[in-house]
N, C-alpha and C. Protein backbone atom coordinates (compact mmCIF):
# COMPACT_ATOMS: atom_id res chain seq x y z
N UNK A 1 1.75 14.50 12.92
CA UNK A 1 0.26 15.41 12.17
C UNK A 1 -0.49 13.53 11.98
N UNK A 2 -1.74 14.21 12.65
CA UNK A 2 -3.09 12.99 12.42
C UNK A 2 -3.47 13.07 10.93
N UNK A 3 -3.73 11.95 10.57
CA UNK A 3 -4.04 11.86 9.00
C UNK A 3 -5.97 11.63 9.12
N UNK A 4 -5.86 11.08 9.62
CA UNK A 4 -7.20 10.95 10.81
C UNK A 4 -7.16 9.67 11.76
N UNK A 5 -8.09 9.16 12.18
CA UNK A 5 -8.70 9.31 13.66
C UNK A 5 -6.81 8.09 13.99
N UNK A 6 -6.96 6.83 12.89
CA UNK A 6 -5.67 5.77 13.79
C UNK A 6 -4.62 5.54 13.09
N UNK A 7 -4.46 7.12 11.74
CA UNK A 7 -3.17 7.03 11.37
C UNK A 7 -2.28 8.14 11.86
N UNK A 8 -1.10 8.27 11.54
CA UNK A 8 -0.12 9.39 11.41
C UNK A 8 0.73 9.75 10.32
N UNK A 9 0.92 10.64 10.14
CA UNK A 9 2.13 11.26 9.11
C UNK A 9 3.11 10.03 9.31
N UNK A 10 3.44 9.79 10.53
CA UNK A 10 5.04 8.98 10.71
C UNK A 10 4.67 8.05 10.13
N UNK A 11 4.08 6.89 10.22
CA UNK A 11 3.64 6.19 9.53
C UNK A 11 4.35 5.68 8.40
N UNK A 12 3.79 6.49 7.47
CA UNK A 12 3.63 7.06 5.99
C UNK A 12 5.79 7.03 5.24
N UNK A 13 6.22 8.17 6.22
CA UNK A 13 7.27 8.68 5.98
C UNK A 13 8.52 8.06 6.46
N UNK A 14 8.01 7.33 7.56
CA UNK A 14 9.50 5.97 7.85
C UNK A 14 9.85 5.01 7.04
N UNK A 15 11.22 5.54 6.80
CA UNK A 15 11.62 4.38 5.86
C UNK A 15 13.31 4.45 6.40
N UNK A 16 13.73 2.94 6.22
CA UNK A 16 15.05 2.58 7.46
C UNK A 16 15.98 3.14 6.25
N UNK A 17 15.06 2.97 4.59
CA UNK A 17 16.25 2.93 3.61
C UNK A 17 16.54 4.57 3.78
N UNK A 18 16.22 5.35 3.73
CA UNK A 18 16.15 6.41 3.58
C UNK A 18 16.93 6.79 5.10
N UNK A 19 16.67 6.92 5.76
CA UNK A 19 17.56 6.55 6.80
C UNK A 19 19.10 6.41 6.78
N UNK A 20 19.19 5.50 6.74
CA UNK A 20 20.72 4.81 6.19
C UNK A 20 21.17 5.63 5.16
N UNK A 21 20.16 5.67 4.54
CA UNK A 21 20.98 6.64 3.34
C UNK A 21 21.10 7.98 3.25
N UNK A 22 20.45 8.70 4.50
CA UNK A 22 20.39 10.15 4.55
C UNK A 22 19.41 10.46 3.48
N UNK A 23 18.90 10.03 3.60
CA UNK A 23 17.29 10.85 2.75
C UNK A 23 16.46 11.10 3.33
N UNK A 24 16.17 12.27 2.81
CA UNK A 24 15.03 12.99 3.58
C UNK A 24 13.41 12.84 2.63
N UNK A 25 12.53 12.37 3.74
CA UNK A 25 11.49 11.86 2.93
C UNK A 25 10.48 12.54 3.51
N UNK A 26 10.35 13.44 3.52
CA UNK A 26 9.34 14.89 4.01
C UNK A 26 8.05 15.28 3.02
N UNK A 27 7.25 14.47 3.14
CA UNK A 27 6.10 15.26 1.58
C UNK A 27 5.97 16.72 1.94
N UNK A 28 5.88 17.12 0.68
CA UNK A 28 5.13 18.45 0.37
C UNK A 28 3.34 18.35 1.13
N UNK A 29 2.59 19.32 1.33
CA UNK A 29 1.36 19.71 1.37
C UNK A 29 0.75 19.38 0.86
N UNK A 30 1.07 19.58 -0.89
CA UNK A 30 -0.44 18.55 -1.62
C UNK A 30 -0.11 17.12 -1.08
N UNK A 31 1.05 16.69 -0.85
CA UNK A 31 0.89 15.16 -0.57
C UNK A 31 0.90 14.58 0.39
N UNK A 32 0.59 15.67 1.64
CA UNK A 32 0.16 15.46 2.68
C UNK A 32 -1.57 15.23 2.75
N UNK A 33 -2.10 16.37 1.54
CA UNK A 33 -3.66 16.71 1.36
C UNK A 33 -3.99 14.95 0.64
N UNK A 34 -2.71 14.25 -0.16
CA UNK A 34 -3.24 12.76 -1.19
C UNK A 34 -3.77 11.58 0.44
N UNK A 35 -2.06 11.74 1.17
CA UNK A 35 -2.21 10.73 2.20
C UNK A 35 -3.68 10.61 3.18
N UNK A 36 -4.22 11.77 3.64
CA UNK A 36 -5.45 11.94 4.44
C UNK A 36 -6.37 11.63 3.50
N UNK A 37 -6.57 11.79 2.22
CA UNK A 37 -7.08 11.13 1.36
C UNK A 37 -7.45 9.56 1.37
N UNK A 38 -6.30 9.81 1.06
CA UNK A 38 -5.96 7.93 1.12
C UNK A 38 -6.27 7.47 2.15
N UNK A 39 -6.41 7.90 3.65
CA UNK A 39 -6.29 7.68 5.26
C UNK A 39 -8.35 7.56 4.85
N UNK A 40 -8.72 8.18 4.47
CA UNK A 40 -9.78 8.58 4.54
C UNK A 40 -11.03 7.69 4.24
N UNK A 41 -10.57 7.38 2.66
CA UNK A 41 -11.23 6.80 1.95
C UNK A 41 -10.72 4.89 1.90
N UNK A 42 -9.49 5.03 2.53
CA UNK A 42 -9.58 3.50 1.93
C UNK A 42 -8.79 3.26 3.48
N UNK A 43 -8.09 3.28 3.82
CA UNK A 43 -7.16 3.14 5.44
C UNK A 43 -7.91 3.14 6.23
N UNK A 44 -8.19 4.10 7.14
CA UNK A 44 -9.30 4.08 8.19
C UNK A 44 -10.47 3.29 7.90
N UNK A 45 -11.51 3.35 6.83
CA UNK A 45 -12.76 2.34 6.89
C UNK A 45 -12.31 1.50 6.82
N UNK A 46 -10.65 0.55 6.26
CA UNK A 46 -10.73 -0.41 6.05
C UNK A 46 -10.31 -0.87 7.54
N UNK A 47 -9.66 -0.23 8.56
CA UNK A 47 -9.16 -0.25 9.80
C UNK A 47 -10.46 -0.43 10.71
N UNK A 48 -11.33 0.52 10.31
CA UNK A 48 -12.67 0.30 11.27
C UNK A 48 -13.38 -1.44 10.54
N UNK A 49 -13.29 -1.47 9.47
CA UNK A 49 -14.47 -2.72 8.90
C UNK A 49 -13.49 -4.00 9.75
N UNK A 50 -12.58 -4.10 9.85
CA UNK A 50 -11.65 -5.11 9.95
C UNK A 50 -11.73 -5.15 11.60
N UNK A 51 -11.10 -4.15 12.71
CA UNK A 51 -11.44 -3.73 13.84
C UNK A 51 -9.96 -4.08 14.08
N UNK A 52 -9.29 -4.26 13.55
CA UNK A 52 -7.91 -4.20 13.93
C UNK A 52 -6.65 -3.15 12.95
N UNK A 53 -5.67 -3.53 13.62
CA UNK A 53 -4.34 -2.51 13.34
C UNK A 53 -4.33 -2.57 12.13
N UNK A 54 -4.14 -1.98 11.12
CA UNK A 54 -2.78 -2.30 9.83
C UNK A 54 -1.16 -1.88 9.36
N UNK A 55 -0.58 -2.58 9.32
CA UNK A 55 0.55 -2.38 9.35
C UNK A 55 0.73 -1.68 7.67
N UNK A 56 1.00 -0.21 7.83
CA UNK A 56 2.07 0.65 6.60
C UNK A 56 3.19 -0.05 6.15
N UNK A 57 4.05 -0.98 5.05
CA UNK A 57 5.48 -1.30 5.24
C UNK A 57 6.01 -0.26 4.44
N UNK A 58 4.90 0.47 3.62
CA UNK A 58 5.42 1.00 2.57
C UNK A 58 4.31 2.16 2.50
N UNK A 59 4.45 3.84 2.39
CA UNK A 59 4.17 4.45 2.70
C UNK A 59 4.43 5.60 1.24
N UNK A 60 4.61 6.68 1.69
CA UNK A 60 4.82 8.04 1.08
C UNK A 60 6.31 8.11 0.83
N UNK A 61 6.86 7.78 -0.45
CA UNK A 61 8.52 7.80 -1.08
C UNK A 61 9.01 9.14 -1.38
N UNK A 62 9.96 9.70 -0.81
CA UNK A 62 10.32 10.83 -1.70
C UNK A 62 10.64 10.54 -2.95
N UNK A 63 11.36 11.21 -4.32
CA UNK A 63 12.07 11.04 -5.54
C UNK A 63 12.89 10.19 -5.13
N UNK A 64 13.74 10.61 -4.42
CA UNK A 64 15.33 10.07 -4.16
C UNK A 64 15.04 8.72 -3.45
N UNK A 65 14.16 8.59 -2.45
CA UNK A 65 14.11 7.66 -1.83
C UNK A 65 13.32 5.88 -2.69
N UNK A 66 12.46 6.60 -3.95
CA UNK A 66 12.00 6.05 -4.69
C UNK A 66 12.82 5.19 -5.47
N UNK A 67 13.74 6.25 -6.09
CA UNK A 67 14.78 5.88 -6.92
C UNK A 67 15.32 4.89 -6.04
N UNK A 68 16.42 5.31 -4.90
CA UNK A 68 16.58 4.07 -4.05
C UNK A 68 16.45 2.37 -4.13
N UNK A 69 14.96 2.65 -4.04
CA UNK A 69 14.54 1.47 -3.58
C UNK A 69 14.57 0.75 -5.11
N UNK A 70 14.13 1.31 -6.26
CA UNK A 70 14.01 0.81 -7.47
C UNK A 70 12.90 0.64 -8.21
N UNK A 71 11.63 1.88 -7.56
CA UNK A 71 10.32 2.15 -7.23
C UNK A 71 10.09 2.37 -9.04
N UNK A 72 8.77 2.70 -9.38
CA UNK A 72 8.42 3.13 -10.36
C UNK A 72 8.49 4.50 -10.94
N UNK A 73 8.91 5.24 -11.81
CA UNK A 73 9.29 6.65 -11.74
C UNK A 73 8.09 7.03 -11.54
N UNK A 74 7.10 6.55 -11.77
CA UNK A 74 5.45 7.22 -12.01
C UNK A 74 4.91 6.87 -10.62
N UNK A 75 5.75 6.10 -9.97
CA UNK A 75 4.55 5.74 -8.50
C UNK A 75 3.90 6.32 -7.90
N UNK A 76 2.58 6.17 -7.39
CA UNK A 76 1.84 7.00 -6.40
C UNK A 76 1.88 7.30 -5.40
N UNK A 77 3.33 6.45 -4.60
CA UNK A 77 3.54 6.61 -3.33
C UNK A 77 4.52 7.82 -3.21
N UNK A 78 5.01 8.08 -4.73
CA UNK A 78 6.33 9.42 -4.35
C UNK A 78 4.89 10.55 -4.69
N UNK A 79 3.28 10.57 -5.05
CA UNK A 79 2.19 11.57 -4.57
C UNK A 79 1.64 11.82 -3.32
N UNK A 80 1.85 10.42 -2.12
CA UNK A 80 1.49 10.09 -1.07
C UNK A 80 -0.49 9.50 -1.61
N UNK A 81 -0.13 9.05 -3.00
CA UNK A 81 -1.78 7.87 -3.32
C UNK A 81 -1.47 7.19 -3.11
N UNK A 82 -0.34 6.25 -2.51
CA UNK A 82 -0.68 5.07 -2.90
C UNK A 82 0.01 4.47 -1.73
N UNK A 83 -0.38 3.37 -0.74
CA UNK A 83 0.41 2.63 0.47
C UNK A 83 0.48 0.80 0.23
N UNK A 84 1.55 0.67 0.91
CA UNK A 84 1.82 -0.98 0.69
C UNK A 84 1.32 -1.52 2.12
N UNK A 85 0.26 -2.50 2.28
CA UNK A 85 0.18 -3.21 3.34
C UNK A 85 0.90 -4.28 3.76
N UNK A 86 1.19 -5.16 4.67
CA UNK A 86 1.96 -6.42 5.05
C UNK A 86 1.75 -6.50 7.00
N UNK A 87 0.02 -6.96 6.42
CA UNK A 87 -0.65 -7.38 7.79
C UNK A 87 0.04 -8.91 8.82
N UNK A 88 0.72 -9.54 7.53
CA UNK A 88 1.13 -10.68 8.08
C UNK A 88 3.12 -10.61 8.49
N UNK A 89 3.08 -9.08 8.74
CA UNK A 89 4.03 -8.84 9.77
C UNK A 89 3.82 -9.05 11.03
N UNK A 90 2.02 -8.63 11.32
CA UNK A 90 1.48 -8.70 12.87
C UNK A 90 1.76 -10.40 13.32
N UNK A 91 1.11 -10.98 12.31
CA UNK A 91 1.20 -12.45 11.85
C UNK A 91 2.36 -13.35 13.04
N UNK A 92 3.30 -12.13 12.37
CA UNK A 92 4.46 -13.46 12.92
C UNK A 92 4.66 -12.91 14.53
N UNK A 93 4.37 -11.92 15.23
CA UNK A 93 4.29 -11.83 15.81
C UNK A 93 2.80 -11.84 17.22
N UNK A 94 1.89 -11.97 16.23
CA UNK A 94 0.13 -12.09 17.16
C UNK A 94 -0.42 -13.18 15.94
N UNK A 95 0.13 -14.17 16.26
CA UNK A 95 -0.97 -15.09 15.24
C UNK A 95 -2.53 -15.21 15.56
N UNK A 96 -2.71 -14.38 16.32
CA UNK A 96 -4.05 -13.70 16.58
C UNK A 96 -5.22 -13.51 15.39
N UNK A 97 -4.11 -12.45 15.43
CA UNK A 97 -4.76 -12.18 14.43
C UNK A 97 -5.40 -12.58 13.02
N UNK A 98 -7.05 -11.79 12.56
CA UNK A 98 -7.62 -12.89 11.81
C UNK A 98 -7.37 -12.55 10.35
N UNK A 99 -6.82 -11.29 10.11
CA UNK A 99 -6.45 -10.48 9.07
C UNK A 99 -5.47 -10.72 8.08
N UNK A 100 -5.14 -11.33 7.41
CA UNK A 100 -3.80 -11.34 6.69
C UNK A 100 -3.84 -10.56 5.80
N UNK A 101 -2.82 -10.53 4.80
CA UNK A 101 -2.61 -10.22 3.47
C UNK A 101 -3.93 -10.74 2.60
N UNK A 102 -3.63 -11.85 2.27
CA UNK A 102 -5.33 -12.11 1.33
C UNK A 102 -6.58 -11.47 1.99
N UNK A 103 -6.78 -11.51 2.94
CA UNK A 103 -7.69 -11.00 3.96
C UNK A 103 -8.12 -9.55 3.43
N UNK A 104 -7.22 -8.63 3.60
CA UNK A 104 -6.88 -7.59 3.31
C UNK A 104 -7.16 -7.46 1.87
N UNK A 105 -6.45 -7.83 0.83
CA UNK A 105 -6.80 -8.12 -0.81
C UNK A 105 -8.01 -7.62 -1.11
N UNK A 106 -9.06 -8.98 -0.27
CA UNK A 106 -10.14 -9.63 -1.12
C UNK A 106 -11.19 -7.97 -0.08
N UNK A 107 -10.93 -7.83 1.41
CA UNK A 107 -11.92 -6.82 1.65
C UNK A 107 -11.62 -5.51 1.08
N UNK A 108 -11.11 -4.56 0.07
CA UNK A 108 -10.68 -3.80 -0.07
C UNK A 108 -11.04 -4.35 -1.45
N UNK A 109 -11.23 -4.69 -2.24
CA UNK A 109 -11.60 -4.94 -3.45
C UNK A 109 -13.19 -5.29 -3.44
N UNK A 110 -13.81 -5.87 -2.54
CA UNK A 110 -15.08 -5.89 -2.60
C UNK A 110 -15.71 -4.78 -2.07
N UNK A 111 -15.16 -3.79 -1.36
CA UNK A 111 -15.84 -3.02 -0.19
C UNK A 111 -15.36 -1.55 -0.35
N UNK A 112 -14.17 -0.90 -1.27
CA UNK A 112 -13.77 0.12 -1.76
C UNK A 112 -13.92 0.54 -3.34
N UNK A 113 -13.55 1.82 -3.27
CA UNK A 113 -13.50 2.14 -4.48
C UNK A 113 -11.73 2.53 -4.32
N UNK A 114 -10.79 2.39 -5.25
CA UNK A 114 -9.51 2.29 -5.54
C UNK A 114 -8.82 2.91 -6.80
N UNK A 115 -7.85 3.32 -7.14
CA UNK A 115 -6.92 3.32 -7.91
C UNK A 115 -6.90 2.14 -8.59
N UNK A 116 -5.71 1.57 -8.07
CA UNK A 116 -5.04 0.07 -8.28
C UNK A 116 -5.25 -0.43 -6.43
N UNK A 117 -5.61 -1.82 -7.24
CA UNK A 117 -5.70 -2.76 -5.82
C UNK A 117 -4.07 -3.75 -6.83
N UNK A 118 -3.20 -4.16 -5.79
CA UNK A 118 -1.87 -4.68 -6.21
C UNK A 118 -2.06 -5.89 -5.65
N UNK A 119 -1.44 -7.20 -5.60
CA UNK A 119 -1.48 -8.86 -5.42
C UNK A 119 -0.23 -8.75 -5.24
N UNK A 120 0.75 -8.33 -4.80
CA UNK A 120 2.30 -8.20 -5.02
C UNK A 120 2.98 -9.10 -4.43
N UNK A 121 3.23 -10.00 -5.47
CA UNK A 121 4.37 -11.27 -5.05
C UNK A 121 4.03 -12.32 -4.59
N UNK A 122 4.61 -12.73 -3.43
CA UNK A 122 3.78 -13.90 -2.85
C UNK A 122 3.82 -14.79 -3.92
N UNK A 123 2.37 -15.90 -3.50
CA UNK A 123 2.16 -16.71 -4.09
C UNK A 123 0.52 -16.83 -4.31
N UNK A 124 0.29 -18.49 -4.53
CA UNK A 124 -1.17 -18.57 -4.95
C UNK A 124 -2.30 -18.42 -3.38
N UNK A 125 -1.99 -18.52 -2.55
CA UNK A 125 -3.04 -18.17 -1.59
C UNK A 125 -2.66 -16.62 -0.61
N UNK A 126 -1.42 -16.35 -0.73
CA UNK A 126 -1.18 -14.65 -0.19
C UNK A 126 -0.30 -14.00 -0.61
N UNK A 127 -0.65 -12.79 -1.14
CA UNK A 127 0.33 -11.69 -1.81
C UNK A 127 1.55 -11.62 -0.40
N UNK A 128 2.68 -11.01 -0.76
CA UNK A 128 3.77 -10.65 0.25
C UNK A 128 2.95 -9.43 0.58
N UNK A 129 1.90 -8.71 -0.14
CA UNK A 129 2.07 -7.52 0.71
C UNK A 129 1.33 -6.85 -0.52
N UNK A 130 0.26 -6.12 -0.04
CA UNK A 130 -0.96 -5.16 -0.91
C UNK A 130 -0.80 -4.36 -1.04
N UNK A 131 -1.06 -3.49 -2.46
CA UNK A 131 -0.49 -2.18 -2.45
C UNK A 131 -1.57 -1.86 -3.25
N UNK A 132 -1.86 -0.68 -2.38
CA UNK A 132 -3.44 0.04 -3.06
C UNK A 132 -3.41 1.89 -3.25
N UNK A 133 -3.95 1.88 -3.87
CA UNK A 133 -3.74 3.49 -4.46
C UNK A 133 -5.00 3.94 -4.54
N UNK A 134 -5.68 5.63 -4.31
CA UNK A 134 -6.30 6.10 -4.44
C UNK A 134 -5.98 7.54 -4.97
N UNK A 135 -6.70 7.65 -5.91
CA UNK A 135 -6.80 9.36 -6.36
C UNK A 135 -7.77 9.73 -6.53
N UNK A 136 -9.26 9.41 -6.75
CA UNK A 136 -10.07 10.30 -6.34
C UNK A 136 -11.82 9.89 -6.96
N UNK A 137 -12.97 9.45 -6.55
CA UNK A 137 -13.81 8.65 -6.90
C UNK A 137 -13.61 8.59 -8.60
N UNK A 138 -13.83 10.20 -9.18
CA UNK A 138 -13.87 10.15 -9.92
C UNK A 138 -13.01 9.74 -11.41
N UNK A 139 -11.42 9.33 -10.24
CA UNK A 139 -10.42 9.15 -11.02
C UNK A 139 -9.99 7.82 -11.36
N UNK A 140 -10.55 6.97 -9.91
CA UNK A 140 -10.21 5.72 -10.12
C UNK A 140 -10.02 5.07 -10.89
N UNK A 141 -9.52 4.25 -11.17
CA UNK A 141 -9.87 3.26 -12.18
C UNK A 141 -10.38 1.53 -11.86
N UNK A 142 -10.39 1.18 -10.38
CA UNK A 142 -10.98 0.35 -9.86
C UNK A 142 -9.90 -1.57 -10.64
N UNK A 143 -8.43 -0.93 -10.34
CA UNK A 143 -7.75 -1.43 -11.13
C UNK A 143 -6.90 -2.80 -10.54
N UNK A 144 -7.75 -4.05 -10.69
CA UNK A 144 -7.14 -5.06 -9.50
C UNK A 144 -5.85 -5.90 -10.80
N UNK A 145 -4.79 -6.07 -9.78
CA UNK A 145 -3.54 -6.60 -10.85
C UNK A 145 -2.19 -7.57 -9.93
N UNK A 146 -1.68 -8.23 -10.69
CA UNK A 146 -0.82 -8.98 -9.98
C UNK A 146 0.16 -8.67 -10.26
N UNK A 147 1.53 -8.63 -9.54
CA UNK A 147 2.48 -8.26 -9.78
C UNK A 147 3.16 -9.81 -9.35
N UNK A 148 4.40 -10.11 -10.64
CA UNK A 148 5.48 -11.13 -10.52
C UNK A 148 6.41 -10.90 -11.35
N UNK A 149 7.59 -11.97 -11.28
CA UNK A 149 8.89 -12.09 -11.55
C UNK A 149 9.01 -12.39 -13.01
N UNK A 150 9.26 -11.84 -13.92
CA UNK A 150 9.33 -12.26 -15.12
C UNK A 150 10.28 -13.74 -14.95
N UNK A 151 10.86 -14.48 -16.50
CA UNK A 151 12.60 -15.11 -15.92
C UNK A 151 13.44 -14.55 -16.43
N UNK A 152 13.54 -13.09 -16.33
CA UNK A 152 14.89 -12.46 -16.37
C UNK A 152 14.68 -11.48 -14.98
N UNK A 153 13.88 -11.85 -14.22
CA UNK A 153 13.43 -11.43 -12.70
C UNK A 153 13.01 -9.80 -13.04
N UNK A 154 12.44 -9.59 -13.49
CA UNK A 154 11.41 -8.26 -14.21
C UNK A 154 10.29 -8.26 -13.23
N UNK A 155 9.99 -7.63 -12.60
CA UNK A 155 8.63 -7.33 -12.68
C UNK A 155 7.84 -6.44 -13.52
N UNK A 156 6.34 -7.75 -13.13
CA UNK A 156 5.39 -7.68 -14.74
C UNK A 156 3.83 -7.73 -13.72
N UNK A 157 2.86 -7.10 -14.58
CA UNK A 157 1.31 -6.96 -14.09
C UNK A 157 0.61 -7.76 -14.87
N UNK A 158 -0.22 -8.55 -14.31
CA UNK A 158 -1.29 -9.02 -15.05
C UNK A 158 -2.21 -9.05 -14.40
N UNK A 159 -3.29 -8.83 -15.33
CA UNK A 159 -4.82 -8.73 -14.68
C UNK A 159 -5.60 -9.88 -13.48
N UNK A 160 -6.10 -9.43 -12.57
CA UNK A 160 -6.36 -10.14 -11.46
C UNK A 160 -7.46 -10.83 -11.95
N UNK A 161 -7.75 -11.94 -11.61
CA UNK A 161 -8.93 -12.85 -11.66
C UNK A 161 -9.23 -14.27 -10.06
N UNK A 162 -10.36 -13.81 -10.10
CA UNK A 162 -10.27 -14.69 -9.32
C UNK A 162 -9.90 -16.15 -9.26
N UNK A 163 -9.16 -16.69 -8.38
CA UNK A 163 -8.20 -17.87 -8.64
C UNK A 163 -7.50 -17.74 -9.48
N UNK A 164 -7.32 -17.22 -10.11
CA UNK A 164 -6.09 -17.11 -11.12
C UNK A 164 -4.70 -16.49 -10.65
N UNK A 165 -3.88 -16.68 -9.99
CA UNK A 165 -2.94 -15.39 -9.41
C UNK A 165 -1.89 -15.60 -10.51
C-alpha cells in the first residue's frame, strides 16, 4: 500500500525483531491514516527537498514489538505518528550521498512543523539516527530534544540547543 509517492506501508512495518519473535506488526486503519499524514507532511517533502531516498530504520511498532525492543509505552511509533531515519546506513553503501543524519536533523528542524525531533544518541557531530513525529499542525509541539544515556545507562532527554549536544 502506497502512503505517498515514494513511501510504501511495508517500509514502516518491516521489523527483523518482529519476524524473529513471530510478532504481528500490522497497523490498524487509524494508524495507517497517521502514517499517511506523517509521509505527506514530513517524509515526502523531506525526500523531495533533499532529492535523495530516506532510510526508514523504524516506523510503525505494534504494542508487542514496542515492548520487545524496550520502547516507551507512550511511543508515537505505536500510533503511526513517528519514524526513525538513519541515512548513515546509506552512506555505508554509497558515500556519495550528501545527506547524513546531521543534515536530515537540521533540514527537518528548519523546514517543517513536527511534534518531536530527537537527535538520538550518537555524538556531538552526528546522531546515531533521527526521530521525528507528527501529530497535526494544531497539536505539534515543535519540541527539539537530544537523547542520551545517563550514568546508569538509562535513556534521558534534554532540550536541544545549537552547538550543545
